[in-house]
Structure formats: structure tokens, C-alpha cells
Amino acid sequence: MTQANIGPDFISMWAIESEQKAREIAAAFHAALHGLRQLYIAVPSQRRRA
């Protein structure tokens, strides 16, 4: 049985014990994505330069 559902613009997760824990997970995920975006800006792909 799947405990998550992922779409192009959302992620739904089940079996999270509290709203507080869900908010912590969402904040960590957001921070990780923001960090990846900043890394992409700082170190652009070699394919883009060609």
C-alpha cells in the first residue's frame, strides 16, 4: 500500500502522526528544494552554455 501521492505540483502523505510533524516535513522539503535551486543558479549546467 502506498503512503504518498506525488503530482506535478503537490505531494500528499499519509500516516503522519500530527499536523506539527507534517509542517516540519514540509518545511524541510521546501528548504531542500530552495537549496537545490540556489545550487543550480550558482553552478549552471554545462549543456546550457553550449
C-alpha atoms as a PDB file:
ATOM      1  CA  MET A   1       0.000   0.000   0.000  1.00  0.00           C
ATOM      2  CA  THR A   2       1.358   3.417  -0.987  1.00  0.00           C
ATOM      3  CA  GLN A   3       1.615   6.045   1.745  1.00  0.00           C
ATOM      4  CA  ALA A   4       2.268   9.010  -0.559  1.00  0.00           C
ATOM      5  CA  ASN A   5       0.815  10.508  -3.692  1.00  0.00           C
ATOM      6  CA  ILE A   6       3.017  12.730  -5.867  1.00  0.00           C
ATOM      7  CA  GLY A   7       1.766  15.003  -8.627  1.00  0.00           C
ATOM      8  CA  PRO A   8       3.377  17.716 -10.745  1.00  0.00           C
ATOM      9  CA  ASP A   9       2.556  20.414  -8.192  1.00  0.00           C
ATOM     10  CA  PHE A  10       1.760  18.593  -4.942  1.00  0.00           C
ATOM     11  CA  ILE A  11       2.784  15.828  -2.564  1.00  0.00           C
ATOM     12  CA  SER A  12       0.216  14.145  -0.299  1.00  0.00           C
ATOM     13  CA  MET A  13       1.458  11.945   2.529  1.00  0.00           C
ATOM     14  CA  TRP A  14      -0.493   9.736   4.900  1.00  0.00           C
ATOM     15  CA  ALA A  15       0.416   8.189   8.238  1.00  0.00           C
ATOM     16  CA  ILE A  16       1.955  11.374   9.646  1.00  0.00           C
ATOM     17  CA  GLU A  17       1.142  11.431  13.322  1.00  0.00           C
ATOM     18  CA  SER A  18       0.418  15.148  13.744  1.00  0.00           C
ATOM     19  CA  GLU A  19      -0.020  18.433  11.917  1.00  0.00           C
ATOM     20  CA  GLN A  20       3.154  19.687  13.606  1.00  0.00           C
ATOM     21  CA  LYS A  21       5.173  16.786  12.148  1.00  0.00           C
ATOM     22  CA  ALA A  22       3.608  17.383   8.714  1.00  0.00           C
ATOM     23  CA  ARG A  23       4.636  21.049   8.899  1.00  0.00           C
ATOM     24  CA  GLU A  24       8.204  20.082   9.894  1.00  0.00           C
ATOM     25  CA  ILE A  25       8.439  17.718   6.907  1.00  0.00           C
ATOM     26  CA  ALA A  26       7.017  20.369   4.562  1.00  0.00           C
ATOM     27  CA  ALA A  27       9.492  22.979   5.834  1.00  0.00           C
ATOM     28  CA  ALA A  28      12.440  20.608   5.381  1.00  0.00           C
ATOM     29  CA  PHE A  29      11.293  19.694   1.866  1.00  0.00           C
ATOM     30  CA  HIS A  30      10.868  23.354   0.944  1.00  0.00           C
ATOM     31  CA  ALA A  31      14.334  24.201   2.285  1.00  0.00           C
ATOM     32  CA  ALA A  32      15.873  21.324   0.327  1.00  0.00           C
ATOM     33  CA  LEU A  33      14.229  22.418  -2.924  1.00  0.00           C
ATOM     34  CA  HIS A  34      15.226  26.032  -2.372  1.00  0.00           C
ATOM     35  CA  GLY A  35      18.810  24.905  -1.738  1.00  0.00           C
ATOM     36  CA  LEU A  36      18.857  22.897  -4.957  1.00  0.00           C
ATOM     37  CA  ARG A  37      17.572  25.912  -6.887  1.00  0.00           C
ATOM     38  CA  GLN A  38      20.292  28.123  -5.412  1.00  0.00           C
ATOM     39  CA  LEU A  39      22.902  25.494  -6.314  1.00  0.00           C
ATOM     40  CA  TYR A  40      21.575  25.339  -9.890  1.00  0.00           C
ATOM     41  CA  ILE A  41      21.819  29.128 -10.173  1.00  0.00           C
ATOM     42  CA  ALA A  42      25.367  29.134  -8.763  1.00  0.00           C
ATOM     43  CA  VAL A  43      26.580  26.214 -10.907  1.00  0.00           C
ATOM     44  CA  PRO A  44      24.670  26.208 -14.209  1.00  0.00           C
ATOM     45  CA  SER A  45      24.527  23.128 -16.375  1.00  0.00           C
ATOM     46  CA  GLN A  46      27.277  22.744 -18.976  1.00  0.00           C
ATOM     47  CA  ARG A  47      24.585  21.884 -21.552  1.00  0.00           C
ATOM     48  CA  ARG A  48      23.054  25.344 -21.207  1.00  0.00           C
ATOM     49  CA  ARG A  49      26.319  27.050 -22.118  1.00  0.00           C
ATOM     50  CA  ALA A  50      26.850  25.151 -25.384  1.00  0.00           C
END
